[in-house]
Amino acid sequence: MSGYIITLLITIGIYIILSLSLNILVGYSGQVSLGHAAFWAIGAYSFAILTTRYSVGFIEASMLSVLITTFVGIILGLPSLRLSEDFLVITTIGINFIVEGIFNTFNYFGGAMGIGNIPFPTINGHMISNQVFALIVYTAVVLTIIISYLFKLSWSGLACSAIKDDELAADVSGVSVVKFKMIAFALSSALAGLSGILYASFMGFISAADFSFPVSVTILAMVMVGGEGTIIGPIFGAALLVLLPELFRPIHDYRMLLYGLLIVLMMRFQPDGFFGRKGIVWSLLKRY
């Protein structure tokens, strides 16, 4: 398998984790976020700083980075817990800009120059191959799928589903809206942090521009195109939106326009996404 194909598979795997993490917020609990790249960035920057400035090992740095992302995600998510719809979307956009601005401004985070020399995983002092790294990424993908599935079936997942359907009715029925939104926010942040760790380690260099607002739009597009609230939907959406610019190189520079257009078209003609409850895939399968 060529290096290009391996790189493409790794990229798709990282975005699958990222889109599944956003799906917990958007698909399970109905909290539309346009700032998810911020939590991806926090995971990536935590890992980069721990490994390059403090020489923490790969596994220890990964575990600490997930914890840091979860903690910071909860803190940043607090202002969003009592907001809904338009106000929630605007707040998450603000979170994205604040986090990007901090990483882009302060020298401790590399400033505009970013952070380089981020270590690649090693075994007995030898750097692993990209094929082995791909196995690590897809092990993380399987772990994320299992966590997403178990969360959906859990009491917390059912409570989030009730909040998504009717927040007021769920609150009146005794469901703690703030508590379960917080749980969804924390889990979503943790998985986004995991994706950020893999991205930083694979790329070896990160800068604030890698986690800008257009990236958040891309992640949301992956969830919406595939089908929010499902597991296969975000996987399909991530694979499709990573592959499209690769298959159609001439439109690569216009990919953000394409993603925006896709969201508009999906909202108009397939609001549940391809794999959603009323999506075109299930409709065709029922017909045949």
Protein backbone atom coordinates (compact mmCIF):
# COMPACT_ATOMS: atom_id res chain seq x y z
CA MET A 1 0.00 0.00 0.00
CA SER A 2 1.45 3.36 -1.02
CA GLY A 3 2.40 6.07 1.45
CA TYR A 4 -0.28 8.32 -0.04
CA ILE A 5 -3.05 5.78 0.64
CA ILE A 6 -1.79 5.21 4.21
CA THR A 7 -1.73 8.97 4.84
CA LEU A 8 -5.26 9.28 3.45
CA LEU A 9 -6.52 6.42 5.66
CA ILE A 10 -4.93 7.99 8.75
CA THR A 11 -6.50 11.36 7.93
CA ILE A 12 -9.92 9.76 7.46
CA GLY A 13 -9.55 7.87 10.76
CA ILE A 14 -8.68 11.06 12.67
CA TYR A 15 -11.70 12.87 11.18
CA ILE A 16 -13.97 9.91 11.96
CA ILE A 17 -13.08 10.23 15.66
CA LEU A 18 -13.62 13.98 15.43
CA SER A 19 -17.02 13.74 13.71
CA LEU A 20 -18.21 11.01 16.13
CA SER A 21 -17.19 13.23 19.05
CA LEU A 22 -19.26 16.12 17.66
CA ASN A 23 -22.14 13.72 17.00
CA ILE A 24 -22.44 13.16 20.76
CA LEU A 25 -23.19 16.87 21.14
CA VAL A 26 -25.24 17.48 18.01
CA GLY A 27 -26.80 14.09 17.31
CA TYR A 28 -27.45 12.79 20.82
CA SER A 29 -28.16 15.90 22.89
CA GLY A 30 -29.18 18.45 20.24
CA GLN A 31 -26.47 21.02 21.09
CA VAL A 32 -25.40 22.44 17.74
CA SER A 33 -21.75 23.49 17.97
CA LEU A 34 -19.79 25.50 15.43
CA GLY A 35 -16.67 25.61 17.59
CA HIS A 36 -15.68 21.97 17.88
CA ALA A 37 -12.25 22.57 16.36
CA ALA A 38 -11.39 24.38 19.63
CA PHE A 39 -11.47 21.11 21.59
CA TRP A 40 -9.53 19.37 18.84
CA ALA A 41 -6.93 22.14 19.20
CA ILE A 42 -6.75 21.83 22.99
CA GLY A 43 -5.98 18.10 22.72
CA ALA A 44 -3.34 18.71 20.04
CA TYR A 45 -1.67 21.63 21.85
CA SER A 46 -1.72 19.84 25.24
CA PHE A 47 0.03 16.85 23.70
CA ALA A 48 2.50 19.03 21.78
CA ILE A 49 3.49 21.07 24.84
CA LEU A 50 3.78 18.06 27.15
CA THR A 51 6.01 16.15 24.74
CA THR A 52 8.17 18.98 23.37
CA ARG A 53 8.57 21.22 26.45
CA TYR A 54 8.37 18.69 29.29
CA SER A 55 9.56 15.51 27.55
CA VAL A 56 6.56 13.51 28.77
CA GLY A 57 6.23 10.07 27.12
CA PHE A 58 3.67 9.41 24.37
CA ILE A 59 1.20 7.37 26.47
CA GLU A 60 1.45 9.58 29.57
CA ALA A 61 1.12 12.74 27.46
CA SER A 62 -1.89 11.26 25.65
CA MET A 63 -3.69 10.44 28.89
CA LEU A 64 -2.93 13.86 30.38
CA SER A 65 -4.03 15.60 27.18
CA VAL A 66 -7.40 13.84 27.20
CA LEU A 67 -7.90 14.87 30.84
CA ILE A 68 -6.87 18.46 30.11
CA THR A 69 -9.20 18.65 27.10
CA THR A 70 -12.08 17.23 29.13
CA PHE A 71 -11.51 19.70 31.98
CA VAL A 72 -11.12 22.73 29.71
CA GLY A 73 -14.07 21.52 27.63
CA ILE A 74 -16.27 21.50 30.74
CA ILE A 75 -15.10 25.00 31.73
CA LEU A 76 -15.67 26.40 28.24
CA GLY A 77 -18.95 24.53 27.95
CA LEU A 78 -20.42 26.06 31.13
CA PRO A 79 -21.66 29.25 29.37
CA SER A 80 -23.39 27.08 26.76
CA LEU A 81 -25.40 24.84 29.08
CA ARG A 82 -28.40 27.14 29.52
CA LEU A 83 -28.38 28.37 25.94
CA SER A 84 -30.20 26.93 22.97
CA GLU A 85 -30.42 27.24 19.21
CA ASP A 86 -29.04 30.55 17.83
CA PHE A 87 -27.42 31.70 21.09
CA LEU A 88 -25.68 28.35 21.55
CA VAL A 89 -24.32 28.43 17.99
CA ILE A 90 -22.99 31.99 18.44
CA THR A 91 -21.38 31.08 21.78
CA THR A 92 -19.57 28.04 20.33
CA ILE A 93 -18.30 30.18 17.43
CA GLY A 94 -16.94 32.59 20.04
CA ILE A 95 -15.22 29.73 21.89
CA ASN A 96 -13.50 28.70 18.65
CA PHE A 97 -12.20 32.22 18.00
CA ILE A 98 -11.05 32.68 21.63
CA VAL A 99 -9.10 29.40 21.69
CA GLU A 100 -7.57 30.05 18.25
CA GLY A 101 -6.65 33.59 19.32
CA ILE A 102 -4.92 32.39 22.52
CA PHE A 103 -2.85 29.77 20.68
CA ASN A 104 -2.01 32.29 17.96
CA THR A 105 -1.00 35.09 20.34
CA PHE A 106 0.97 33.71 23.29
CA ASN A 107 4.54 32.55 22.74
CA TYR A 108 4.08 29.74 25.27
CA PHE A 109 1.80 28.09 22.72
CA GLY A 110 4.16 28.79 19.86
CA GLY A 111 2.33 31.93 18.72
CA ALA A 112 2.00 32.41 14.98
CA MET A 113 4.98 30.09 14.41
CA GLY A 114 3.15 27.08 15.89
CA ILE A 115 4.83 24.11 17.57
CA GLY A 116 7.14 21.75 15.69
CA ASN A 117 9.17 18.61 16.40
CA ILE A 118 6.17 16.87 17.97
CA PRO A 119 7.32 13.27 18.49
CA PHE A 120 5.99 10.33 16.52
CA PRO A 121 5.33 7.16 18.57
CA THR A 122 8.34 4.88 19.10
CA ILE A 123 8.85 1.27 20.20
CA ASN A 124 12.14 0.49 21.98
CA GLY A 125 13.52 3.79 20.74
CA HIS A 126 12.65 3.08 17.09
CA MET A 127 10.07 5.20 15.30
CA ILE A 128 7.07 3.14 14.20
CA SER A 129 6.00 3.02 10.57
CA ASN A 130 2.96 4.82 9.17
CA GLN A 131 1.24 1.43 8.78
CA VAL A 132 1.58 0.77 12.51
CA PHE A 133 0.38 4.32 13.25
CA ALA A 134 -2.65 3.65 11.05
CA LEU A 135 -3.42 0.60 13.22
CA ILE A 136 -3.22 2.81 16.32
CA VAL A 137 -5.59 5.34 14.72
CA TYR A 138 -8.15 2.69 13.74
CA THR A 139 -7.91 1.09 17.19
CA ALA A 140 -8.88 4.54 18.52
CA VAL A 141 -11.69 4.67 15.90
CA VAL A 142 -13.09 1.33 17.13
CA LEU A 143 -12.81 2.52 20.75
CA THR A 144 -14.69 5.72 19.83
CA ILE A 145 -17.43 3.74 18.07
CA ILE A 146 -17.86 1.48 21.13
CA ILE A 147 -17.99 4.48 23.49
CA SER A 148 -20.52 6.25 21.22
CA TYR A 149 -22.70 3.12 21.04
CA LEU A 150 -22.60 2.45 24.80
CA PHE A 151 -23.30 6.12 25.56
CA LYS A 152 -26.31 6.10 23.24
CA LEU A 153 -27.78 3.09 25.09
CA SER A 154 -26.89 4.35 28.57
CA TRP A 155 -29.18 6.27 30.92
CA SER A 156 -27.18 9.42 30.14
CA GLY A 157 -27.64 8.85 26.41
CA LEU A 158 -31.39 8.33 26.79
CA ALA A 159 -31.62 11.47 28.94
CA CYS A 160 -29.72 13.43 26.27
CA SER A 161 -32.11 12.06 23.64
CA ALA A 162 -35.08 13.27 25.71
CA ILE A 163 -33.45 16.71 26.03
CA LYS A 164 -32.90 16.83 22.28
CA ASP A 165 -36.55 15.95 21.55
CA ASP A 166 -38.05 18.45 24.01
CA GLU A 167 -35.84 20.15 26.59
CA LEU A 168 -38.75 21.63 28.56
CA ALA A 169 -40.63 18.30 28.74
CA ALA A 170 -37.45 16.51 29.84
CA ASP A 171 -36.86 19.11 32.55
CA VAL A 172 -40.45 18.84 33.82
CA SER A 173 -40.10 15.02 33.86
CA GLY A 174 -37.18 15.25 36.28
CA VAL A 175 -34.27 14.97 33.84
CA SER A 176 -31.43 17.25 34.94
CA VAL A 177 -30.84 19.18 31.72
CA VAL A 178 -27.63 20.88 32.90
CA LYS A 179 -26.12 17.67 34.28
CA PHE A 180 -26.66 15.58 31.15
CA LYS A 181 -25.65 18.39 28.79
CA MET A 182 -22.45 18.65 30.84
CA ILE A 183 -21.82 14.89 30.53
CA ALA A 184 -22.30 15.08 26.74
CA PHE A 185 -19.97 18.10 26.56
CA ALA A 186 -17.27 16.36 28.63
CA LEU A 187 -17.38 13.12 26.61
CA SER A 188 -17.42 15.00 23.31
CA SER A 189 -14.42 17.11 24.41
CA ALA A 190 -12.47 14.04 25.55
CA LEU A 191 -12.89 12.29 22.19
CA ALA A 192 -12.03 15.48 20.28
CA GLY A 193 -8.88 15.68 22.43
CA LEU A 194 -7.99 12.10 21.47
CA SER A 195 -8.32 13.04 17.82
CA GLY A 196 -6.11 16.10 18.41
CA ILE A 197 -3.37 13.95 19.96
CA LEU A 198 -3.28 11.66 16.93
CA TYR A 199 -3.29 14.64 14.56
CA ALA A 200 -0.42 16.44 16.36
CA SER A 201 1.69 13.30 16.56
CA PHE A 202 1.13 12.39 12.91
CA MET A 203 1.71 15.88 11.51
CA GLY A 204 4.70 16.70 13.75
CA PHE A 205 3.78 20.38 13.54
CA ILE A 206 0.65 22.31 14.49
CA SER A 207 -0.42 25.94 14.35
CA ALA A 208 -3.57 27.78 15.33
CA ALA A 209 -4.65 27.98 11.67
CA ASP A 210 -5.14 24.19 11.66
CA PHE A 211 -8.07 24.62 14.08
CA SER A 212 -9.82 27.70 12.71
CA PHE A 213 -13.56 28.32 12.37
CA PRO A 214 -13.78 26.84 8.82
CA VAL A 215 -12.52 23.54 10.28
CA SER A 216 -15.44 23.56 12.74
CA VAL A 217 -17.80 24.05 9.78
CA THR A 218 -16.17 21.08 8.06
CA ILE A 219 -16.65 18.83 11.10
CA LEU A 220 -20.31 19.86 11.39
CA ALA A 221 -20.78 19.19 7.67
CA MET A 222 -19.42 15.65 8.15
CA VAL A 223 -22.05 14.97 10.82
CA MET A 224 -24.93 16.61 8.95
CA VAL A 225 -24.16 14.99 5.59
CA GLY A 226 -23.81 11.50 7.06
CA GLY A 227 -26.71 11.72 9.47
CA GLU A 228 -26.70 13.10 12.99
CA GLY A 229 -27.64 10.78 15.83
CA THR A 230 -26.33 7.71 14.01
CA ILE A 231 -22.89 6.13 14.23
CA ILE A 232 -22.46 5.15 10.61
CA GLY A 233 -23.49 8.63 9.42
CA PRO A 234 -20.52 10.62 10.81
CA ILE A 235 -18.17 7.84 9.66
CA PHE A 236 -19.56 8.11 6.12
CA GLY A 237 -19.53 11.93 6.25
CA ALA A 238 -15.89 12.06 7.41
CA ALA A 239 -14.75 9.64 4.71
CA LEU A 240 -16.74 11.47 2.00
CA LEU A 241 -15.55 14.98 2.87
CA VAL A 242 -11.91 13.92 3.19
CA LEU A 243 -12.00 12.03 -0.10
CA LEU A 244 -13.93 14.59 -2.20
CA PRO A 245 -11.13 17.22 -2.38
CA GLU A 246 -8.64 14.40 -3.10
CA LEU A 247 -10.75 13.01 -5.94
CA PHE A 248 -11.43 16.44 -7.44
CA ARG A 249 -8.11 18.26 -7.07
CA PRO A 250 -9.16 21.31 -9.17
CA ILE A 251 -11.86 22.16 -6.59
CA HIS A 252 -9.55 21.73 -3.60
CA ASP A 253 -9.25 25.50 -3.08
CA TYR A 254 -13.02 25.80 -3.06
CA ARG A 255 -13.69 23.02 -0.57
CA MET A 256 -15.14 25.37 2.08
CA LEU A 257 -17.62 26.67 -0.49
CA LEU A 258 -18.45 23.06 -1.34
CA TYR A 259 -18.96 22.13 2.32
CA GLY A 260 -21.22 25.12 2.91
CA LEU A 261 -23.22 24.30 -0.20
CA LEU A 262 -23.50 20.68 0.93
CA ILE A 263 -24.94 21.72 4.31
CA VAL A 264 -27.52 23.96 2.61
CA LEU A 265 -28.52 21.22 0.14
CA MET A 266 -28.69 18.58 2.87
CA MET A 267 -30.87 20.82 5.05
CA ARG A 268 -33.19 21.41 2.08
CA PHE A 269 -33.45 17.91 0.60
CA GLN A 270 -32.03 15.46 3.20
CA PRO A 271 -32.29 17.09 6.64
CA ASP A 272 -31.64 13.74 8.36
CA GLY A 273 -28.46 13.09 6.32
CA PHE A 274 -27.78 10.08 4.09
CA PHE A 275 -27.96 7.58 6.98
CA GLY A 276 -30.49 9.42 9.16
CA ARG A 277 -33.89 7.98 10.14
CA LYS A 278 -35.51 9.37 6.97
CA GLY A 279 -32.31 9.42 4.92
CA ILE A 280 -32.09 8.28 1.33
CA VAL A 281 -30.00 5.18 2.17
CA TRP A 282 -32.57 3.63 4.50
CA SER A 283 -35.39 4.62 2.13
CA LEU A 284 -33.71 2.75 -0.73
CA LEU A 285 -32.97 -0.29 1.48
CA LYS A 286 -36.62 -0.50 2.59
CA ARG A 287 -37.76 -0.29 -1.03
CA TYR A 288 -35.59 -3.18 -2.16
